[in-house]
Amino acid sequence: MSDLLLHQRDAKGVHRLTLNSPASFNTLSEDMLTALQQSLDQIAQDEQARVVVLGATGKAFCAGHNLKEMRAQPELAYYQKLFAQCTRMMLAIQKLPVPVIARVQGLATAAGCQLVAQCDLAVTADSATFGVNGIDVGLFCATPSVPLVRNMHAKQAMEMLLTGGFISADEACRRGLVNRVCAADELNSQVDDLVQAILAKPREAVRLGKALFYQQREMGIEAAYQLAGQTMACNMMDAVAQEGVQAFIDKRTPSWRV
């Protein structure tokens, strides 16, 4: 199973997860979902983790669920268990206290597109394409619709879901599905730019910020402001924020950047 998902960690706390089943277009098989869950759980326990980069080998980033595996067990209980497993993994990405960056080098379709949408940030090669085309085989991409509609306008998401049509990397960027589009040979450098920008910021502020971002999005505006205000107050009490503000006043570099 470890060969399905490569997991590396550097001295700075950057975890790199790589889907490594190119022959199957990196589908989210049961084994792949299990491997991802195990690695995400491991990262969640790493107090020195700072960033996760999620990439893939081969021509496709991820082609969604393994349809052969699904067709082999036509049982409601099996399908419910499978989609619950996938949902746990997707939510684990959001619950991680560090940012997760999707490094998209190729096709991302159905649950693969969902995986991109679920990540906090995404950088894609200009040759990549994106779609939620389960409808083509009679299966509406219900679970992919959840993060998709939280990334782009509802009518844009609904068109993709109803027609199964694919969009280009540039269109994915215009719609808010990805942050940056670049040539394939610039993908690593563009991802590393984001990684370095995050590493330069205090870990605690990033952790608080990510958690707040997703919690307030699901609230009404008054509750969101209440939570945001409390988060900022707690953040301001942290030593790194006190030092950062004082350094700004003193017109010097904060000690945690030296």
Protein backbone atom coordinates (compact mmCIF):
# COMPACT_ATOMS: atom_id res chain seq x y z
CA MET A 1 0.00 0.00 0.00
CA SER A 2 2.91 2.35 0.71
CA ASP A 3 3.84 2.22 -2.98
CA LEU A 4 0.44 3.68 -3.85
CA LEU A 5 1.19 6.86 -1.92
CA LEU A 6 4.66 8.31 -1.49
CA HIS A 7 5.13 10.33 1.69
CA GLN A 8 8.17 12.52 2.29
CA ARG A 9 8.89 15.08 5.01
CA ASP A 10 11.74 17.57 5.01
CA ALA A 11 13.51 19.24 7.90
CA LYS A 12 11.27 22.32 7.67
CA GLY A 13 8.09 20.34 8.26
CA VAL A 14 6.93 20.23 4.63
CA HIS A 15 5.11 16.98 3.90
CA ARG A 16 4.85 15.87 0.28
CA LEU A 17 2.22 13.27 -0.57
CA THR A 18 2.32 11.81 -4.08
CA LEU A 19 -0.41 9.64 -5.58
CA ASN A 20 1.63 6.91 -7.24
CA SER A 21 -0.68 4.68 -9.26
CA PRO A 22 -0.24 6.11 -12.77
CA ALA A 23 -1.47 2.95 -14.50
CA SER A 24 -4.90 3.48 -12.90
CA PHE A 25 -4.72 7.27 -13.37
CA ASN A 26 -4.30 7.56 -9.60
CA THR A 27 -7.88 6.59 -8.86
CA LEU A 28 -9.14 6.78 -5.31
CA SER A 29 -9.37 3.06 -4.74
CA GLU A 30 -10.10 1.73 -1.28
CA ASP A 31 -6.38 1.19 -0.74
CA MET A 32 -5.53 4.70 -1.95
CA LEU A 33 -8.14 6.23 0.35
CA THR A 34 -6.74 4.22 3.26
CA ALA A 35 -3.18 5.30 2.46
CA LEU A 36 -4.21 8.95 2.24
CA GLN A 37 -6.11 8.76 5.51
CA GLN A 38 -3.14 7.19 7.28
CA SER A 39 -0.75 9.86 6.04
CA LEU A 40 -3.13 12.72 6.90
CA ASP A 41 -3.61 11.29 10.38
CA GLN A 42 0.16 11.06 10.76
CA ILE A 43 0.61 14.68 9.67
CA ALA A 44 -2.09 15.80 12.10
CA GLN A 45 0.05 14.38 14.92
CA ASP A 46 3.22 16.14 13.72
CA GLU A 47 3.48 19.29 15.84
CA GLN A 48 6.27 20.59 13.60
CA ALA A 49 4.35 20.18 10.34
CA ARG A 50 4.01 23.40 8.36
CA VAL A 51 2.68 22.62 4.86
CA VAL A 52 1.42 19.66 2.84
CA VAL A 53 1.92 19.39 -0.92
CA LEU A 54 -0.36 16.85 -2.59
CA GLY A 55 0.78 15.76 -6.06
CA ALA A 56 0.73 12.77 -8.37
CA THR A 57 2.79 10.82 -10.88
CA GLY A 58 1.86 10.07 -14.48
CA LYS A 59 -0.44 11.81 -16.92
CA ALA A 60 -3.39 12.22 -14.53
CA PHE A 61 -3.58 13.90 -11.16
CA CYS A 62 -6.56 11.78 -10.17
CA ALA A 63 -9.38 10.23 -12.22
CA GLY A 64 -11.79 9.87 -9.31
CA HIS A 65 -13.09 6.67 -7.77
CA ASN A 66 -12.11 3.26 -9.10
CA LEU A 67 -15.21 2.35 -11.13
CA LYS A 68 -14.14 -1.28 -11.64
CA GLU A 69 -13.90 -1.70 -7.88
CA MET A 70 -17.30 -0.07 -7.41
CA ARG A 71 -18.98 -2.16 -10.10
CA ALA A 72 -17.66 -5.38 -8.58
CA GLN A 73 -19.70 -4.87 -5.40
CA PRO A 74 -23.20 -3.63 -6.30
CA GLU A 75 -24.41 -3.31 -2.74
CA LEU A 76 -25.85 -0.23 -1.05
CA ALA A 77 -23.97 -0.90 2.19
CA TYR A 78 -20.69 -1.11 0.30
CA TYR A 79 -21.29 2.16 -1.54
CA GLN A 80 -22.30 3.93 1.66
CA LYS A 81 -19.13 2.71 3.36
CA LEU A 82 -16.96 3.74 0.41
CA PHE A 83 -18.32 7.29 0.18
CA ALA A 84 -18.16 7.68 3.95
CA GLN A 85 -14.49 6.66 3.78
CA CYS A 86 -13.85 9.22 1.05
CA THR A 87 -15.68 11.93 2.98
CA ARG A 88 -13.56 11.28 6.08
CA MET A 89 -10.41 11.67 4.02
CA MET A 90 -11.62 14.89 2.36
CA LEU A 91 -12.59 16.39 5.70
CA ALA A 92 -9.23 15.37 7.16
CA ILE A 93 -7.60 17.71 4.63
CA GLN A 94 -9.73 20.60 5.86
CA LYS A 95 -9.16 19.71 9.52
CA LEU A 96 -5.38 19.63 9.22
CA PRO A 97 -3.88 22.60 11.09
CA VAL A 98 -1.57 23.33 8.14
CA PRO A 99 -2.31 24.43 4.56
CA VAL A 100 -2.61 21.75 1.88
CA ILE A 101 -1.52 22.67 -1.63
CA ALA A 102 -2.66 20.61 -4.62
CA ARG A 103 0.09 20.24 -7.23
CA VAL A 104 -1.91 19.36 -10.35
CA GLN A 105 0.13 18.07 -13.28
CA GLY A 106 -2.68 16.47 -15.29
CA LEU A 107 -6.31 15.42 -15.55
CA ALA A 108 -8.45 15.88 -12.42
CA THR A 109 -11.92 14.44 -12.81
CA ALA A 110 -14.87 13.46 -10.58
CA ALA A 111 -13.48 12.75 -7.08
CA GLY A 112 -10.09 13.85 -8.42
CA CYS A 113 -11.53 17.29 -9.13
CA GLN A 114 -13.12 17.11 -5.68
CA LEU A 115 -9.66 16.49 -4.22
CA VAL A 116 -8.34 19.65 -5.87
CA ALA A 117 -11.33 21.65 -4.65
CA GLN A 118 -10.91 20.31 -1.12
CA CYS A 119 -7.29 21.47 -0.84
CA ASP A 120 -6.66 24.93 0.60
CA LEU A 121 -4.61 26.07 -2.39
CA ALA A 122 -3.95 24.66 -5.86
CA VAL A 123 -1.32 25.18 -8.53
CA THR A 124 -1.82 23.56 -11.92
CA ALA A 125 0.06 22.97 -15.13
CA ASP A 126 -1.56 24.79 -18.05
CA SER A 127 -2.16 21.46 -19.80
CA ALA A 128 -4.36 20.04 -17.00
CA THR A 129 -8.13 19.75 -17.36
CA PHE A 130 -10.87 19.54 -14.76
CA GLY A 131 -14.29 17.93 -14.73
CA VAL A 132 -16.98 16.25 -12.67
CA ASN A 133 -18.20 13.89 -15.36
CA GLY A 134 -19.82 11.10 -13.37
CA ILE A 135 -23.07 12.10 -15.07
CA ASP A 136 -21.65 10.58 -18.27
CA VAL A 137 -22.04 7.11 -16.73
CA GLY A 138 -25.31 7.95 -15.00
CA LEU A 139 -23.76 8.93 -11.66
CA PHE A 140 -24.25 12.53 -10.52
CA CYS A 141 -21.05 13.71 -8.78
CA ALA A 142 -22.81 14.46 -5.51
CA THR A 143 -19.85 14.39 -3.14
CA PRO A 144 -17.57 16.35 -5.52
CA SER A 145 -20.31 19.00 -5.67
CA VAL A 146 -19.76 19.86 -2.00
CA PRO A 147 -16.32 21.50 -2.27
CA LEU A 148 -16.87 22.47 -5.92
CA VAL A 149 -19.76 24.82 -5.10
CA ARG A 150 -17.63 26.26 -2.30
CA ASN A 151 -14.92 27.14 -4.82
CA MET A 152 -16.92 28.66 -7.67
CA HIS A 153 -20.28 30.24 -8.45
CA ALA A 154 -23.25 27.90 -8.17
CA LYS A 155 -24.29 28.08 -11.84
CA GLN A 156 -20.73 27.40 -13.01
CA ALA A 157 -20.51 24.36 -10.75
CA MET A 158 -23.98 23.15 -11.76
CA GLU A 159 -23.13 23.33 -15.46
CA MET A 160 -20.09 21.12 -14.93
CA LEU A 161 -22.10 18.67 -12.81
CA LEU A 162 -25.04 18.42 -15.22
CA THR A 163 -23.14 18.27 -18.50
CA GLY A 164 -19.95 16.46 -17.50
CA GLY A 165 -18.04 19.05 -19.50
CA PHE A 166 -14.38 19.71 -18.81
CA ILE A 167 -12.73 23.08 -18.28
CA SER A 168 -9.16 24.14 -18.98
CA ALA A 169 -6.60 25.12 -16.38
CA ASP A 170 -7.05 28.79 -17.27
CA GLU A 171 -10.82 28.50 -16.89
CA ALA A 172 -10.38 26.67 -13.58
CA CYS A 173 -8.32 29.62 -12.38
CA ARG A 174 -10.91 32.15 -13.55
CA ARG A 175 -13.61 30.22 -11.70
CA GLY A 176 -11.62 30.01 -8.48
CA LEU A 177 -10.87 26.29 -8.49
CA VAL A 178 -7.10 26.85 -8.60
CA ASN A 179 -4.82 29.71 -7.57
CA ARG A 180 -2.11 29.62 -10.22
CA VAL A 181 -1.57 28.26 -13.73
CA CYS A 182 1.90 27.75 -15.14
CA ALA A 183 3.88 25.79 -17.68
CA ALA A 184 4.55 22.19 -16.64
CA ASP A 185 8.26 22.84 -16.15
CA GLU A 186 7.45 25.69 -13.76
CA LEU A 187 5.07 23.70 -11.57
CA ASN A 188 7.59 22.86 -8.86
CA SER A 189 8.87 26.41 -8.59
CA GLN A 190 5.37 27.85 -8.41
CA VAL A 191 4.40 25.41 -5.66
CA ASP A 192 7.63 26.13 -3.80
CA ASP A 193 6.88 29.88 -3.96
CA LEU A 194 3.68 29.25 -2.02
CA VAL A 195 5.42 26.86 0.37
CA GLN A 196 8.14 29.39 1.17
CA ALA A 197 5.59 32.18 1.65
CA ILE A 198 3.74 30.04 4.20
CA LEU A 199 6.93 28.95 5.98
CA ALA A 200 7.79 32.61 6.48
CA LYS A 201 4.64 33.12 8.56
CA PRO A 202 4.12 32.08 12.22
CA ARG A 203 2.78 28.53 12.56
CA GLU A 204 0.22 29.50 15.20
CA ALA A 205 -1.29 32.32 13.14
CA VAL A 206 -1.61 30.02 10.14
CA ARG A 207 -3.25 27.32 12.26
CA LEU A 208 -5.78 29.70 13.79
CA GLY A 209 -6.44 31.31 10.44
CA LYS A 210 -7.17 28.10 8.57
CA ALA A 211 -9.55 26.84 11.23
CA LEU A 212 -11.39 30.16 11.38
CA PHE A 213 -11.63 30.43 7.59
CA TYR A 214 -13.65 27.23 7.24
CA GLN A 215 -15.72 27.60 10.41
CA GLN A 216 -16.97 31.09 9.64
CA ARG A 217 -17.83 30.18 6.04
CA GLU A 218 -20.65 27.93 7.26
CA MET A 219 -22.09 30.54 9.67
CA GLY A 220 -24.39 33.50 9.43
CA ILE A 221 -22.62 36.86 9.31
CA GLU A 222 -23.16 37.80 12.97
CA ALA A 223 -21.89 34.46 14.28
CA ALA A 224 -19.00 34.60 11.82
CA TYR A 225 -17.94 38.03 13.07
CA GLN A 226 -18.21 36.86 16.67
CA LEU A 227 -15.99 33.86 16.01
CA ALA A 228 -13.55 35.94 13.94
CA GLY A 229 -13.24 38.57 16.64
CA GLN A 230 -12.57 35.94 19.30
CA THR A 231 -10.00 34.28 17.05
CA MET A 232 -8.18 37.57 16.45
CA ALA A 233 -8.20 38.38 20.16
CA CYS A 234 -6.64 35.00 20.98
CA ASN A 235 -4.18 35.37 18.10
CA MET A 236 -3.15 38.81 19.36
CA MET A 237 -2.32 37.32 22.76
CA ASP A 238 0.20 34.99 21.15
CA ALA A 239 3.84 35.94 21.60
CA VAL A 240 4.56 35.95 17.86
CA ALA A 241 1.79 38.48 17.22
CA GLN A 242 2.93 40.69 20.09
CA GLU A 243 6.46 40.60 18.70
CA GLY A 244 5.27 41.14 15.12
CA VAL A 245 3.23 44.22 16.03
CA GLN A 246 6.03 45.64 18.16
CA ALA A 247 8.50 45.08 15.33
CA PHE A 248 6.17 46.94 12.96
CA ILE A 249 6.01 49.85 15.42
CA ASP A 250 9.79 49.80 15.85
CA LYS A 251 10.30 49.51 12.07
CA ARG A 252 12.44 46.39 12.41
CA THR A 253 12.25 42.74 11.39
CA PRO A 254 10.35 40.47 13.83
CA SER A 255 12.62 38.15 15.78
CA TRP A 256 10.89 35.08 14.31
CA ARG A 257 11.96 36.16 10.81
CA VAL A 258 15.61 36.66 11.69
